[in-house]
């Protein structure tokens, strides 16, 4: 019978590879989300009459934190679902 713990998974090469891919995808998604916020903030607040950008820092900060929180929640849920499928528990033993 297999030992259903995280240390058991860490001894498997496929799990370590999957962790690296998961973390890389997480950082790529965060990077592109934050770049999207930045570019949309600049392009959507252009004042045609004066030819200048109107920057609203509070709106940018809200989009930054809410978006990053949603991304973090989705990736955490994905990780917990993976643990539930592979190990049979949302919070497996270490």
PDB file of N, CA and C in Angstrom:
ATOM      1  N   UNK A   1       0.838  -1.185   0.000  1.00  0.00           N
ATOM      2  CA  UNK A   1       0.000   0.000   0.000  1.00  0.00           C
ATOM      3  C   UNK A   1       0.881   1.246   0.000  1.00  0.00           C
ATOM      4  N   UNK A   2       0.490   2.208  -0.794  1.00  0.00           N
ATOM      5  CA  UNK A   2       1.269   3.436  -0.900  1.00  0.00           C
ATOM      6  C   UNK A   2       1.063   4.322   0.323  1.00  0.00           C
ATOM      7  N   UNK A   3       2.120   5.033   0.658  1.00  0.00           N
ATOM      8  CA  UNK A   3       2.048   5.978   1.753  1.00  0.00           C
ATOM      9  C   UNK A   3       1.446   7.274   1.214  1.00  0.00           C
ATOM     10  N   UNK A   4       0.308   7.704   1.706  1.00  0.00           N
ATOM     11  CA  UNK A   4      -0.403   8.866   1.177  1.00  0.00           C
ATOM     12  C   UNK A   4       0.008  10.143   1.904  1.00  0.00           C
ATOM     13  N   UNK A   5       1.257  10.560   1.719  1.00  0.00           N
ATOM     14  CA  UNK A   5       1.760  11.781   2.334  1.00  0.00           C
ATOM     15  C   UNK A   5       2.484  12.619   1.287  1.00  0.00           C
ATOM     16  N   UNK A   6       2.751  13.858   1.642  1.00  0.00           N
ATOM     17  CA  UNK A   6       3.483  14.745   0.734  1.00  0.00           C
ATOM     18  C   UNK A   6       4.920  14.278   0.580  1.00  0.00           C
ATOM     19  N   UNK A   7       5.514  13.742   1.625  1.00  0.00           N
ATOM     20  CA  UNK A   7       6.890  13.248   1.505  1.00  0.00           C
ATOM     21  C   UNK A   7       6.964  12.078   0.525  1.00  0.00           C
ATOM     22  N   UNK A   8       5.910  11.281   0.451  1.00  0.00           N
ATOM     23  CA  UNK A   8       5.864  10.218  -0.555  1.00  0.00           C
ATOM     24  C   UNK A   8       5.865  10.822  -1.953  1.00  0.00           C
ATOM     25  N   UNK A   9       5.047  11.876  -2.148  1.00  0.00           N
ATOM     26  CA  UNK A   9       5.011  12.530  -3.457  1.00  0.00           C
ATOM     27  C   UNK A   9       6.344  13.175  -3.796  1.00  0.00           C
ATOM     28  N   UNK A  10       7.000  13.776  -2.810  1.00  0.00           N
ATOM     29  CA  UNK A  10       8.282  14.431  -3.070  1.00  0.00           C
ATOM     30  C   UNK A  10       9.362  13.441  -3.496  1.00  0.00           C
ATOM     31  N   UNK A  11       9.171  12.176  -3.195  1.00  0.00           N
ATOM     32  CA  UNK A  11      10.152  11.179  -3.616  1.00  0.00           C
ATOM     33  C   UNK A  11       9.950  10.764  -5.071  1.00  0.00           C
ATOM     34  N   UNK A  12       8.885  11.208  -5.680  1.00  0.00           N
ATOM     35  CA  UNK A  12       8.588  10.864  -7.067  1.00  0.00           C
ATOM     36  C   UNK A  12       9.057  11.970  -8.006  1.00  0.00           C
ATOM     37  N   UNK A  13       9.743  11.582  -9.082  1.00  0.00           N
ATOM     38  CA  UNK A  13      10.286  12.556 -10.024  1.00  0.00           C
ATOM     39  C   UNK A  13       9.169  13.298 -10.768  1.00  0.00           C
ATOM     40  N   UNK A  14       8.099  12.617 -11.139  1.00  0.00           N
ATOM     41  CA  UNK A  14       7.033  13.258 -11.890  1.00  0.00           C
ATOM     42  C   UNK A  14       6.363  14.345 -11.069  1.00  0.00           C
ATOM     43  N   UNK A  15       6.281  14.163  -9.753  1.00  0.00           N
ATOM     44  CA  UNK A  15       5.664  15.177  -8.899  1.00  0.00           C
ATOM     45  C   UNK A  15       6.558  16.409  -8.788  1.00  0.00           C
ATOM     46  N   UNK A  16       7.859  16.194  -8.661  1.00  0.00           N
ATOM     47  CA  UNK A  16       8.778  17.338  -8.591  1.00  0.00           C
ATOM     48  C   UNK A  16       8.741  18.127  -9.899  1.00  0.00           C
ATOM     49  N   UNK A  17       8.686  17.428 -11.027  1.00  0.00           N
ATOM     50  CA  UNK A  17       8.578  18.094 -12.321  1.00  0.00           C
ATOM     51  C   UNK A  17       7.268  18.870 -12.416  1.00  0.00           C
ATOM     52  N   UNK A  18       6.178  18.257 -11.964  1.00  0.00           N
ATOM     53  CA  UNK A  18       4.882  18.916 -11.994  1.00  0.00           C
ATOM     54  C   UNK A  18       4.867  20.167 -11.112  1.00  0.00           C
ATOM     55  N   UNK A  19       5.555  20.112  -9.970  1.00  0.00           N
ATOM     56  CA  UNK A  19       5.655  21.288  -9.098  1.00  0.00           C
ATOM     57  C   UNK A  19       6.370  22.436  -9.789  1.00  0.00           C
ATOM     58  N   UNK A  20       7.455  22.125 -10.492  1.00  0.00           N
ATOM     59  CA  UNK A  20       8.206  23.160 -11.205  1.00  0.00           C
ATOM     60  C   UNK A  20       7.338  23.784 -12.295  1.00  0.00           C
ATOM     61  N   UNK A  21       6.630  22.956 -13.048  1.00  0.00           N
ATOM     62  CA  UNK A  21       5.751  23.470 -14.100  1.00  0.00           C
ATOM     63  C   UNK A  21       4.633  24.310 -13.494  1.00  0.00           C
ATOM     64  N   UNK A  22       4.059  23.858 -12.396  1.00  0.00           N
ATOM     65  CA  UNK A  22       2.976  24.581 -11.728  1.00  0.00           C
ATOM     66  C   UNK A  22       3.447  25.960 -11.269  1.00  0.00           C
ATOM     67  N   UNK A  23       4.608  26.027 -10.650  1.00  0.00           N
ATOM     68  CA  UNK A  23       5.135  27.308 -10.155  1.00  0.00           C
ATOM     69  C   UNK A  23       5.476  28.232 -11.319  1.00  0.00           C
ATOM     70  N   UNK A  24       6.037  27.673 -12.387  1.00  0.00           N
ATOM     71  CA  UNK A  24       6.362  28.504 -13.554  1.00  0.00           C
ATOM     72  C   UNK A  24       5.091  29.074 -14.183  1.00  0.00           C
ATOM     73  N   UNK A  25       4.060  28.261 -14.323  1.00  0.00           N
ATOM     74  CA  UNK A  25       2.795  28.746 -14.884  1.00  0.00           C
ATOM     75  C   UNK A  25       2.185  29.802 -13.973  1.00  0.00           C
ATOM     76  N   UNK A  26       2.282  29.600 -12.663  1.00  0.00           N
ATOM     77  CA  UNK A  26       1.765  30.581 -11.703  1.00  0.00           C
ATOM     78  C   UNK A  26       2.437  31.940 -11.892  1.00  0.00           C
ATOM     79  N   UNK A  27       3.759  31.962 -11.995  1.00  0.00           N
ATOM     80  CA  UNK A  27       4.466  33.232 -12.161  1.00  0.00           C
ATOM     81  C   UNK A  27       4.210  33.863 -13.521  1.00  0.00           C
ATOM     82  N   UNK A  28       4.065  33.065 -14.548  1.00  0.00           N
ATOM     83  CA  UNK A  28       3.753  33.606 -15.876  1.00  0.00           C
ATOM     84  C   UNK A  28       2.368  34.247 -15.876  1.00  0.00           C
ATOM     85  N   UNK A  29       1.392  33.581 -15.265  1.00  0.00           N
ATOM     86  CA  UNK A  29       0.041  34.142 -15.194  1.00  0.00           C
ATOM     87  C   UNK A  29       0.049  35.434 -14.385  1.00  0.00           C
ATOM     88  N   UNK A  30       0.748  35.464 -13.251  1.00  0.00           N
ATOM     89  CA  UNK A  30       0.837  36.697 -12.465  1.00  0.00           C
ATOM     90  C   UNK A  30       1.488  37.824 -13.259  1.00  0.00           C
ATOM     91  N   UNK A  31       2.566  37.506 -13.956  1.00  0.00           N
ATOM     92  CA  UNK A  31       3.271  38.525 -14.740  1.00  0.00           C
ATOM     93  C   UNK A  31       2.362  39.111 -15.811  1.00  0.00           C
ATOM     94  N   UNK A  32       1.690  38.244 -16.580  1.00  0.00           N
ATOM     95  CA  UNK A  32       0.848  38.742 -17.658  1.00  0.00           C
ATOM     96  C   UNK A  32      -0.381  39.466 -17.134  1.00  0.00           C
ATOM     97  N   UNK A  33      -0.937  39.028 -16.018  1.00  0.00           N
ATOM     98  CA  UNK A  33      -2.069  39.745 -15.426  1.00  0.00           C
ATOM     99  C   UNK A  33      -1.651  41.152 -15.004  1.00  0.00           C
ATOM    100  N   UNK A  34      -0.501  41.263 -14.351  1.00  0.00           N
ATOM    101  CA  UNK A  34      -0.048  42.574 -13.897  1.00  0.00           C
ATOM    102  C   UNK A  34       0.335  43.471 -15.064  1.00  0.00           C
ATOM    103  N   UNK A  35       0.891  42.887 -16.123  1.00  0.00           N
ATOM    104  CA  UNK A  35       1.191  43.694 -17.316  1.00  0.00           C
ATOM    105  C   UNK A  35      -0.103  44.144 -17.991  1.00  0.00           C
ATOM    106  N   UNK A  36      -1.114  43.295 -18.002  1.00  0.00           N
ATOM    107  CA  UNK A  36      -2.405  43.650 -18.576  1.00  0.00           C
ATOM    108  C   UNK A  36      -3.036  44.801 -17.802  1.00  0.00           C
ATOM    109  N   UNK A  37      -2.969  44.753 -16.495  1.00  0.00           N
ATOM    110  CA  UNK A  37      -3.500  45.847 -15.669  1.00  0.00           C
ATOM    111  C   UNK A  37      -2.768  47.143 -15.985  1.00  0.00           C
ATOM    112  N   UNK A  38      -1.450  47.073 -16.066  1.00  0.00           N
ATOM    113  CA  UNK A  38      -0.661  48.272 -16.310  1.00  0.00           C
ATOM    114  C   UNK A  38      -0.966  48.870 -17.678  1.00  0.00           C
ATOM    115  N   UNK A  39      -1.005  48.058 -18.724  1.00  0.00           N
ATOM    116  CA  UNK A  39      -1.241  48.585 -20.064  1.00  0.00           C
ATOM    117  C   UNK A  39      -2.665  49.075 -20.229  1.00  0.00           C
ATOM    118  N   UNK A  40      -3.644  48.384 -19.634  1.00  0.00           N
ATOM    119  CA  UNK A  40      -5.020  48.863 -19.725  1.00  0.00           C
ATOM    120  C   UNK A  40      -5.219  50.148 -18.937  1.00  0.00           C
ATOM    121  N   UNK A  41      -4.514  50.298 -17.853  1.00  0.00           N
ATOM    122  CA  UNK A  41      -4.612  51.528 -17.066  1.00  0.00           C
ATOM    123  C   UNK A  41      -4.120  52.714 -17.895  1.00  0.00           C
ATOM    124  N   UNK A  42      -3.043  52.515 -18.643  1.00  0.00           N
ATOM    125  CA  UNK A  42      -2.521  53.607 -19.455  1.00  0.00           C
ATOM    126  C   UNK A  42      -3.411  53.897 -20.651  1.00  0.00           C
ATOM    127  N   UNK A  43      -3.888  52.867 -21.318  1.00  0.00           N
ATOM    128  CA  UNK A  43      -4.640  53.095 -22.550  1.00  0.00           C
ATOM    129  C   UNK A  43      -6.080  53.535 -22.301  1.00  0.00           C
ATOM    130  N   UNK A  44      -6.692  53.131 -21.214  1.00  0.00           N
ATOM    131  CA  UNK A  44      -8.103  53.455 -21.008  1.00  0.00           C
ATOM    132  C   UNK A  44      -8.308  54.834 -20.388  1.00  0.00           C
ATOM    133  N   UNK A  45      -7.306  55.427 -19.812  1.00  0.00           N
ATOM    134  CA  UNK A  45      -7.464  56.724 -19.155  1.00  0.00           C
ATOM    135  C   UNK A  45      -6.768  57.837 -19.921  1.00  0.00           C
ATOM    136  N   UNK A  46      -6.864  57.797 -21.221  1.00  0.00           N
ATOM    137  CA  UNK A  46      -6.251  58.828 -22.049  1.00  0.00           C
ATOM    138  C   UNK A  46      -7.257  59.941 -22.279  1.00  0.00           C
ATOM    139  N   UNK A  47      -6.884  61.162 -21.925  1.00  0.00           N
ATOM    140  CA  UNK A  47      -7.739  62.321 -22.107  1.00  0.00           C
ATOM    141  C   UNK A  47      -7.432  62.923 -23.479  1.00  0.00           C
ATOM    142  N   UNK A  48      -8.389  62.826 -24.390  1.00  0.00           N
ATOM    143  CA  UNK A  48      -8.161  63.280 -25.760  1.00  0.00           C
ATOM    144  C   UNK A  48      -8.032  64.800 -25.813  1.00  0.00           C
ATOM    145  N   UNK A  49      -8.788  65.521 -25.003  1.00  0.00           N
ATOM    146  CA  UNK A  49      -8.777  66.989 -25.049  1.00  0.00           C
ATOM    147  C   UNK A  49      -7.403  67.552 -24.685  1.00  0.00           C
ATOM    148  N   UNK A  50      -6.783  67.008 -23.641  1.00  0.00           N
ATOM    149  CA  UNK A  50      -5.490  67.550 -23.209  1.00  0.00           C
ATOM    150  C   UNK A  50      -4.317  66.739 -23.736  1.00  0.00           C
ATOM    151  N   UNK A  51      -4.569  65.533 -24.195  1.00  0.00           N
ATOM    152  CA  UNK A  51      -3.491  64.696 -24.710  1.00  0.00           C
ATOM    153  C   UNK A  51      -2.631  64.095 -23.614  1.00  0.00           C
ATOM    154  N   UNK A  52      -3.201  63.942 -22.426  1.00  0.00           N
ATOM    155  CA  UNK A  52      -2.447  63.377 -21.306  1.00  0.00           C
ATOM    156  C   UNK A  52      -3.181  62.158 -20.749  1.00  0.00           C
ATOM    157  N   UNK A  53      -2.464  61.386 -19.982  1.00  0.00           N
ATOM    158  CA  UNK A  53      -3.047  60.237 -19.309  1.00  0.00           C
ATOM    159  C   UNK A  53      -3.532  60.648 -17.936  1.00  0.00           C
ATOM    160  N   UNK A  54      -4.692  60.136 -17.560  1.00  0.00           N
ATOM    161  CA  UNK A  54      -5.234  60.356 -16.223  1.00  0.00           C
ATOM    162  C   UNK A  54      -4.991  59.066 -15.455  1.00  0.00           C
ATOM    163  N   UNK A  55      -4.169  59.146 -14.439  1.00  0.00           N
ATOM    164  CA  UNK A  55      -3.788  57.957 -13.687  1.00  0.00           C
ATOM    165  C   UNK A  55      -4.551  57.927 -12.383  1.00  0.00           C
ATOM    166  N   UNK A  56      -5.273  56.839 -12.146  1.00  0.00           N
ATOM    167  CA  UNK A  56      -6.016  56.667 -10.909  1.00  0.00           C
ATOM    168  C   UNK A  56      -5.330  55.557 -10.107  1.00  0.00           C
ATOM    169  N   UNK A  57      -4.485  55.930  -9.133  1.00  0.00           N
ATOM    170  CA  UNK A  57      -3.732  54.900  -8.411  1.00  0.00           C
ATOM    171  C   UNK A  57      -4.605  53.968  -7.576  1.00  0.00           C
ATOM    172  N   UNK A  58      -5.704  54.454  -7.028  1.00  0.00           N
ATOM    173  CA  UNK A  58      -6.566  53.608  -6.207  1.00  0.00           C
ATOM    174  C   UNK A  58      -7.192  52.488  -7.046  1.00  0.00           C
ATOM    175  N   UNK A  59      -7.612  52.826  -8.251  1.00  0.00           N
ATOM    176  CA  UNK A  59      -8.191  51.819  -9.136  1.00  0.00           C
ATOM    177  C   UNK A  59      -7.144  50.775  -9.525  1.00  0.00           C
ATOM    178  N   UNK A  60      -5.946  51.217  -9.808  1.00  0.00           N
ATOM    179  CA  UNK A  60      -4.878  50.287 -10.166  1.00  0.00           C
ATOM    180  C   UNK A  60      -4.534  49.361  -9.007  1.00  0.00           C
ATOM    181  N   UNK A  61      -4.475  49.908  -7.808  1.00  0.00           N
ATOM    182  CA  UNK A  61      -4.154  49.100  -6.632  1.00  0.00           C
ATOM    183  C   UNK A  61      -5.260  48.080  -6.372  1.00  0.00           C
ATOM    184  N   UNK A  62      -6.518  48.492  -6.541  1.00  0.00           N
ATOM    185  CA  UNK A  62      -7.632  47.557  -6.344  1.00  0.00           C
ATOM    186  C   UNK A  62      -7.583  46.423  -7.353  1.00  0.00           C
ATOM    187  N   UNK A  63      -7.376  46.753  -8.633  1.00  0.00           N
ATOM    188  CA  UNK A  63      -7.276  45.708  -9.648  1.00  0.00           C
ATOM    189  C   UNK A  63      -6.085  44.792  -9.382  1.00  0.00           C
ATOM    190  N   UNK A  64      -4.988  45.375  -8.928  1.00  0.00           N
ATOM    191  CA  UNK A  64      -3.794  44.581  -8.635  1.00  0.00           C
ATOM    192  C   UNK A  64      -4.062  43.559  -7.537  1.00  0.00           C
ATOM    193  N   UNK A  65      -4.594  44.019  -6.401  1.00  0.00           N
ATOM    194  CA  UNK A  65      -4.810  43.118  -5.275  1.00  0.00           C
ATOM    195  C   UNK A  65      -5.948  42.125  -5.526  1.00  0.00           C
ATOM    196  N   UNK A  66      -7.049  42.597  -6.082  1.00  0.00           N
ATOM    197  CA  UNK A  66      -8.168  41.681  -6.342  1.00  0.00           C
ATOM    198  C   UNK A  66      -7.786  40.637  -7.381  1.00  0.00           C
ATOM    199  N   UNK A  67      -7.140  41.069  -8.443  1.00  0.00           N
ATOM    200  CA  UNK A  67      -6.727  40.129  -9.486  1.00  0.00           C
ATOM    201  C   UNK A  67      -5.723  39.114  -8.991  1.00  0.00           C
ATOM    202  N   UNK A  68      -4.723  39.571  -8.241  1.00  0.00           N
ATOM    203  CA  UNK A  68      -3.730  38.648  -7.704  1.00  0.00           C
ATOM    204  C   UNK A  68      -4.343  37.697  -6.685  1.00  0.00           C
ATOM    205  N   UNK A  69      -5.307  38.173  -5.906  1.00  0.00           N
ATOM    206  CA  UNK A  69      -5.985  37.299  -4.950  1.00  0.00           C
ATOM    207  C   UNK A  69      -6.787  36.220  -5.669  1.00  0.00           C
ATOM    208  N   UNK A  70      -7.476  36.597  -6.743  1.00  0.00           N
ATOM    209  CA  UNK A  70      -8.257  35.624  -7.511  1.00  0.00           C
ATOM    210  C   UNK A  70      -7.334  34.585  -8.151  1.00  0.00           C
ATOM    211  N   UNK A  71      -6.229  35.029  -8.713  1.00  0.00           N
ATOM    212  CA  UNK A  71      -5.259  34.104  -9.315  1.00  0.00           C
ATOM    213  C   UNK A  71      -4.708  33.165  -8.248  1.00  0.00           C
ATOM    214  N   UNK A  72      -4.345  33.699  -7.098  1.00  0.00           N
ATOM    215  CA  UNK A  72      -3.843  32.874  -6.005  1.00  0.00           C
ATOM    216  C   UNK A  72      -4.894  31.857  -5.554  1.00  0.00           C
ATOM    217  N   UNK A  73      -6.137  32.276  -5.452  1.00  0.00           N
ATOM    218  CA  UNK A  73      -7.209  31.366  -5.059  1.00  0.00           C
ATOM    219  C   UNK A  73      -7.383  30.239  -6.075  1.00  0.00           C
ATOM    220  N   UNK A  74      -7.367  30.566  -7.352  1.00  0.00           N
ATOM    221  CA  UNK A  74      -7.533  29.548  -8.395  1.00  0.00           C
ATOM    222  C   UNK A  74      -6.397  28.538  -8.349  1.00  0.00           C
ATOM    223  N   UNK A  75      -5.159  29.021  -8.207  1.00  0.00           N
ATOM    224  CA  UNK A  75      -4.027  28.100  -8.164  1.00  0.00           C
ATOM    225  C   UNK A  75      -4.018  27.277  -6.879  1.00  0.00           C
ATOM    226  N   UNK A  76      -4.421  27.856  -5.767  1.00  0.00           N
ATOM    227  CA  UNK A  76      -4.500  27.092  -4.516  1.00  0.00           C
ATOM    228  C   UNK A  76      -5.592  26.029  -4.606  1.00  0.00           C
ATOM    229  N   UNK A  77      -6.725  26.381  -5.195  1.00  0.00           N
ATOM    230  CA  UNK A  77      -7.792  25.408  -5.378  1.00  0.00           C
ATOM    231  C   UNK A  77      -7.328  24.262  -6.290  1.00  0.00           C
ATOM    232  N   UNK A  78      -6.586  24.599  -7.339  1.00  0.00           N
ATOM    233  CA  UNK A  78      -6.055  23.572  -8.241  1.00  0.00           C
ATOM    234  C   UNK A  78      -5.108  22.644  -7.493  1.00  0.00           C
ATOM    235  N   UNK A  79      -4.262  23.202  -6.652  1.00  0.00           N
ATOM    236  CA  UNK A  79      -3.321  22.387  -5.870  1.00  0.00           C
ATOM    237  C   UNK A  79      -4.065  21.463  -4.901  1.00  0.00           C
ATOM    238  N   UNK A  80      -5.069  22.006  -4.229  1.00  0.00           N
ATOM    239  CA  UNK A  80      -5.846  21.189  -3.288  1.00  0.00           C
ATOM    240  C   UNK A  80      -6.631  20.096  -4.010  1.00  0.00           C
ATOM    241  N   UNK A  81      -7.161  20.406  -5.185  1.00  0.00           N
ATOM    242  CA  UNK A  81      -7.875  19.392  -5.960  1.00  0.00           C
ATOM    243  C   UNK A  81      -6.927  18.284  -6.393  1.00  0.00           C
ATOM    244  N   UNK A  82      -5.697  18.661  -6.775  1.00  0.00           N
ATOM    245  CA  UNK A  82      -4.695  17.653  -7.133  1.00  0.00           C
ATOM    246  C   UNK A  82      -4.396  16.751  -5.943  1.00  0.00           C
ATOM    247  N   UNK A  83      -4.205  17.336  -4.755  1.00  0.00           N
ATOM    248  CA  UNK A  83      -3.954  16.530  -3.555  1.00  0.00           C
ATOM    249  C   UNK A  83      -5.124  15.603  -3.261  1.00  0.00           C
ATOM    250  N   UNK A  84      -6.345  16.102  -3.462  1.00  0.00           N
ATOM    251  CA  UNK A  84      -7.506  15.269  -3.186  1.00  0.00           C
ATOM    252  C   UNK A  84      -7.579  14.090  -4.161  1.00  0.00           C
ATOM    253  N   UNK A  85      -7.273  14.341  -5.429  1.00  0.00           N
ATOM    254  CA  UNK A  85      -7.326  13.273  -6.429  1.00  0.00           C
ATOM    255  C   UNK A  85      -6.225  12.248  -6.191  1.00  0.00           C
ATOM    256  N   UNK A  86      -4.995  12.714  -5.936  1.00  0.00           N
ATOM    257  CA  UNK A  86      -3.860  11.800  -5.822  1.00  0.00           C
ATOM    258  C   UNK A  86      -3.779  11.164  -4.437  1.00  0.00           C
ATOM    259  N   UNK A  87      -3.964  11.954  -3.382  1.00  0.00           N
ATOM    260  CA  UNK A  87      -3.758  11.443  -2.024  1.00  0.00           C
ATOM    261  C   UNK A  87      -5.053  11.163  -1.260  1.00  0.00           C
ATOM    262  N   UNK A  88      -6.179  11.658  -1.760  1.00  0.00           N
ATOM    263  CA  UNK A  88      -7.446  11.385  -1.099  1.00  0.00           C
ATOM    264  C   UNK A  88      -7.785  12.327   0.039  1.00  0.00           C
ATOM    265  N   UNK A  89      -7.098  13.468   0.135  1.00  0.00           N
ATOM    266  CA  UNK A  89      -7.347  14.415   1.206  1.00  0.00           C
ATOM    267  C   UNK A  89      -6.947  15.809   0.734  1.00  0.00           C
ATOM    268  N   UNK A  90      -7.743  16.826   1.112  1.00  0.00           N
ATOM    269  CA  UNK A  90      -7.409  18.195   0.718  1.00  0.00           C
ATOM    270  C   UNK A  90      -6.161  18.705   1.430  1.00  0.00           C
ATOM    271  N   UNK A  91      -5.961  18.266   2.654  1.00  0.00           N
ATOM    272  CA  UNK A  91      -4.793  18.680   3.436  1.00  0.00           C
ATOM    273  C   UNK A  91      -4.038  17.428   3.881  1.00  0.00           C
ATOM    274  N   UNK A  92      -3.202  16.905   2.998  1.00  0.00           N
ATOM    275  CA  UNK A  92      -2.503  15.645   3.335  1.00  0.00           C
ATOM    276  C   UNK A  92      -1.440  15.856   4.384  1.00  0.00           C
ATOM    277  N   UNK A  93      -1.049  14.744   5.026  1.00  0.00           N
ATOM    278  CA  UNK A  93       0.014  14.792   6.032  1.00  0.00           C
ATOM    279  C   UNK A  93       1.349  15.026   5.345  1.00  0.00           C
ATOM    280  N   UNK A  94       2.244  15.669   6.077  1.00  0.00           N
ATOM    281  CA  UNK A  94       3.571  15.907   5.542  1.00  0.00           C
ATOM    282  C   UNK A  94       4.395  14.674   5.737  1.00  0.00           C
TER     283      UNK A  94
END
